[in-house]
N, C-alpha and C. Protein backbone atom coordinates (compact mmCIF):
# COMPACT_ATOMS: atom_id res chain seq x y z
N MET A 1 -20.25 68.92 160.36
CA MET A 1 -19.32 68.05 159.69
C MET A 1 -18.42 67.88 160.35
N GLY A 2 -17.57 68.97 161.15
CA GLY A 2 -17.17 68.86 162.24
C GLY A 2 -17.36 67.61 163.78
N ASP A 3 -18.66 66.97 163.76
CA ASP A 3 -18.72 66.02 164.25
C ASP A 3 -18.60 64.41 164.05
N ARG A 4 -18.98 64.71 162.44
CA ARG A 4 -18.21 63.53 161.76
C ARG A 4 -17.41 63.14 161.88
N VAL A 5 -16.06 64.41 160.97
CA VAL A 5 -15.30 63.65 161.31
C VAL A 5 -14.55 63.22 161.78
N ARG A 6 -14.86 63.85 163.88
CA ARG A 6 -14.93 63.28 165.24
C ARG A 6 -15.16 62.08 165.18
N VAL A 7 -16.17 61.97 164.66
CA VAL A 7 -16.71 60.44 165.03
C VAL A 7 -15.97 59.69 164.35
N PHE A 8 -16.20 59.53 163.18
CA PHE A 8 -14.38 59.43 162.22
C PHE A 8 -13.47 58.52 162.81
N GLY A 9 -12.61 59.57 163.57
CA GLY A 9 -11.42 60.12 163.99
C GLY A 9 -11.69 59.26 165.08
N LEU A 10 -12.19 59.01 166.17
CA LEU A 10 -13.07 57.82 167.09
C LEU A 10 -12.75 56.75 166.99
N VAL A 11 -13.17 56.44 165.56
CA VAL A 11 -13.52 54.94 165.58
C VAL A 11 -12.44 54.43 165.04
N ALA A 12 -11.80 55.44 164.53
CA ALA A 12 -10.34 54.59 163.55
C ALA A 12 -9.47 54.65 165.11
N LEU A 13 -9.54 55.28 165.73
CA LEU A 13 -8.51 55.48 166.55
C LEU A 13 -9.10 53.68 168.21
N LEU A 14 -10.48 53.75 168.01
CA LEU A 14 -10.53 52.24 168.49
C LEU A 14 -10.42 51.11 167.90
N GLY A 15 -11.07 51.27 166.82
CA GLY A 15 -10.57 49.41 165.61
C GLY A 15 -8.42 50.13 165.44
N PHE A 16 -7.94 51.38 165.77
CA PHE A 16 -6.57 50.66 165.99
C PHE A 16 -6.08 49.74 166.94
N MET A 17 -6.63 50.72 168.71
CA MET A 17 -6.38 50.42 169.63
C MET A 17 -6.70 48.38 169.88
N ALA A 18 -8.34 48.30 168.98
CA ALA A 18 -8.45 46.81 168.91
C ALA A 18 -7.72 45.58 168.55
N GLY A 19 -7.45 46.31 167.00
CA GLY A 19 -5.67 45.96 166.29
C GLY A 19 -4.40 45.55 167.51
N VAL A 20 -4.08 46.31 168.17
CA VAL A 20 -3.20 46.57 168.84
C VAL A 20 -3.33 45.45 169.81
N ILE A 21 -4.51 45.46 170.89
CA ILE A 21 -5.06 44.36 170.96
C ILE A 21 -4.79 42.68 171.21
N ALA A 22 -5.09 42.78 169.57
CA ALA A 22 -5.81 41.11 169.43
C ALA A 22 -4.60 41.14 169.55
N GLN A 23 -3.75 41.56 168.13
CA GLN A 23 -1.79 41.29 168.07
C GLN A 23 -1.34 41.36 169.89
N LEU A 24 -1.16 42.07 170.61
CA LEU A 24 -0.79 41.42 171.81
C LEU A 24 -1.64 40.20 172.25
N THR A 25 -2.47 39.69 172.91
CA THR A 25 -3.39 38.84 172.57
C THR A 25 -3.31 37.79 171.73
N ALA A 26 -3.06 37.70 170.48
CA ALA A 26 -3.02 36.59 169.59
C ALA A 26 -0.45 36.22 170.07
N ASP A 27 -0.26 37.62 170.10
CA ASP A 27 1.32 36.39 170.55
C ASP A 27 2.16 36.34 172.19
N TYR A 28 1.43 36.65 173.38
CA TYR A 28 1.86 36.97 174.17
C TYR A 28 0.31 35.64 175.11
N VAL A 29 -1.06 36.82 175.03
CA VAL A 29 -1.85 35.48 175.80
C VAL A 29 -2.40 34.28 175.64
N ILE A 30 -2.63 33.81 174.36
CA ILE A 30 -3.49 32.24 173.80
C ILE A 30 -1.96 32.16 173.98
N PRO A 31 -0.63 32.06 173.48
CA PRO A 31 0.03 30.79 173.79
C PRO A 31 0.86 31.09 175.54
N TRP A 32 -0.07 31.57 176.77
CA TRP A 32 0.70 31.71 177.60
C TRP A 32 -0.59 31.13 178.45
N LEU A 33 -1.96 31.40 177.98
CA LEU A 33 -3.97 30.39 178.24
C LEU A 33 -3.02 29.03 177.72
N MET A 34 -2.49 28.56 176.62
CA MET A 34 -2.28 26.90 176.13
C MET A 34 -1.35 26.60 177.55
N VAL A 35 -0.48 26.82 177.30
CA VAL A 35 0.60 26.44 178.14
C VAL A 35 -0.20 26.11 180.24
N VAL A 36 -1.11 26.87 180.64
CA VAL A 36 -1.89 27.02 181.06
C VAL A 36 -3.08 25.66 181.84
N LEU A 37 -3.48 25.95 181.03
CA LEU A 37 -4.88 25.46 181.00
C LEU A 37 -4.69 25.02 179.19
N PRO A 38 -3.94 23.64 178.87
CA PRO A 38 -4.17 22.86 177.56
C PRO A 38 -5.02 22.81 177.46
N ALA A 39 -5.66 21.61 178.46
CA ALA A 39 -7.30 20.78 177.47
C ALA A 39 -8.45 21.10 177.85
N LEU A 40 -8.51 22.80 178.31
CA LEU A 40 -9.64 23.14 178.36
C LEU A 40 -9.52 24.76 177.14
N ILE A 41 -8.45 24.75 176.34
CA ILE A 41 -8.91 25.70 175.36
C ILE A 41 -7.59 25.37 174.48
N ASN A 42 -7.76 23.47 173.98
CA ASN A 42 -7.30 23.23 173.25
C ASN A 42 -7.78 23.86 171.12
N ILE A 43 -8.50 24.47 171.31
CA ILE A 43 -9.66 24.98 169.94
C ILE A 43 -8.89 26.56 170.40
N LYS A 44 -8.39 26.69 169.37
CA LYS A 44 -7.43 28.33 169.16
C LYS A 44 -8.37 29.94 168.86
N TRP A 45 -9.86 28.59 167.69
CA TRP A 45 -10.69 29.54 167.86
C TRP A 45 -12.55 29.71 168.08
N ILE A 46 -12.51 29.10 170.02
CA ILE A 46 -12.96 29.23 170.84
C ILE A 46 -11.96 30.43 171.33
N VAL A 47 -11.28 30.27 171.56
CA VAL A 47 -10.38 31.37 172.26
C VAL A 47 -10.13 32.95 171.79
N SER A 48 -10.58 32.24 170.21
CA SER A 48 -10.56 33.91 168.97
C SER A 48 -11.86 34.45 169.94
N GLY A 49 -12.62 33.67 169.98
CA GLY A 49 -13.88 33.98 169.19
C GLY A 49 -14.76 34.57 170.73
N VAL A 50 -13.82 34.31 172.15
CA VAL A 50 -14.57 34.83 173.59
C VAL A 50 -13.27 35.82 173.21
N ALA A 51 -11.78 35.57 173.11
CA ALA A 51 -11.44 37.46 172.91
C ALA A 51 -11.94 38.34 172.10
N GLY A 52 -12.21 37.83 170.89
CA GLY A 52 -13.63 39.27 170.53
C GLY A 52 -14.40 39.38 170.70
N ALA A 53 -15.38 39.00 170.97
CA ALA A 53 -16.83 39.28 172.23
C ALA A 53 -16.33 40.38 173.09
N ALA A 54 -14.89 39.74 173.76
CA ALA A 54 -14.53 40.63 174.68
C ALA A 54 -13.79 41.89 174.76
N LEU A 55 -13.69 41.98 173.83
CA LEU A 55 -13.03 43.20 172.96
C LEU A 55 -13.88 44.35 172.47
N THR A 56 -15.03 43.51 171.92
CA THR A 56 -15.74 44.05 170.99
C THR A 56 -16.42 44.81 172.25
N LEU A 57 -17.15 44.01 173.38
CA LEU A 57 -17.70 44.34 174.74
C LEU A 57 -17.06 45.22 175.35
N ALA A 58 -16.42 45.27 175.19
CA ALA A 58 -14.90 46.58 175.56
C ALA A 58 -14.76 48.26 175.13
N LEU A 59 -14.89 47.89 173.22
CA LEU A 59 -14.36 49.15 172.27
C LEU A 59 -15.71 49.57 172.45
N VAL A 60 -17.43 48.46 172.59
CA VAL A 60 -18.88 49.24 171.79
C VAL A 60 -19.00 50.23 173.53
N SER A 61 -18.92 49.28 174.28
CA SER A 61 -18.17 50.03 176.35
C SER A 61 -17.81 51.66 175.73
N VAL A 62 -16.56 51.78 175.61
CA VAL A 62 -15.95 53.02 175.75
C VAL A 62 -16.61 53.39 174.23
N TRP A 63 -16.91 53.71 173.36
CA TRP A 63 -17.59 54.47 172.15
C TRP A 63 -18.94 55.00 173.31
N ALA A 64 -19.78 54.32 174.11
CA ALA A 64 -21.24 55.01 173.97
C ALA A 64 -21.09 55.08 175.07
N TYR A 65 -19.95 55.62 176.13
CA TYR A 65 -19.89 56.32 176.95
C TYR A 65 -19.10 57.96 176.31
N VAL A 66 -17.78 57.27 175.85
CA VAL A 66 -17.82 58.94 175.26
C VAL A 66 -18.52 58.96 174.17
N SER A 67 -19.57 58.98 173.76
CA SER A 67 -20.75 59.94 172.89
C SER A 67 -21.23 60.24 173.18
N ARG A 68 -21.86 59.84 174.66
CA ARG A 68 -23.16 60.66 174.87
C ARG A 68 -24.00 61.23 174.40
N ASN A 69 -24.84 61.68 174.40
CA ASN A 69 -25.64 62.95 174.15
C ASN A 69 -25.29 64.53 175.19
N ARG A 70 -24.85 65.45 175.38
CA ARG A 70 -24.35 66.42 175.84
C ARG A 70 -25.59 67.13 175.01
N ASP A 71 -26.94 67.35 175.09
CA ASP A 71 -27.27 68.04 174.08
C ASP A 71 -28.72 68.28 175.92
N VAL A 72 -28.90 67.20 176.13
CA VAL A 72 -30.24 66.37 176.56
C VAL A 72 -29.84 67.31 178.25
N ASN A 73 -30.59 67.92 178.76
CA ASN A 73 -30.83 68.62 179.54
C ASN A 73 -31.61 67.51 180.92
N PRO A 74 -29.61 68.02 181.69
CA PRO A 74 -30.30 66.46 183.09
C PRO A 74 -31.40 67.65 184.25
N ARG A 75 -31.96 67.07 184.55
CA ARG A 75 -32.99 67.62 185.75
C ARG A 75 -32.88 67.24 187.21
């Protein structure tokens, strides 16, 4: 039961971090990019999609690294 609680807490922490990063991206990064590259990223949903994909990849990579199987004996 302790492992499930630990995984649940880790997922909650990663979700919290994702929310903070998404808010910072929405407040600072997207407006800055719209000033720097107005023609390329004029459509906000494209930027949000790219940011979401990058964030998801980062969070899944962190989760995969943290939750690696520790029971397997290395040879």
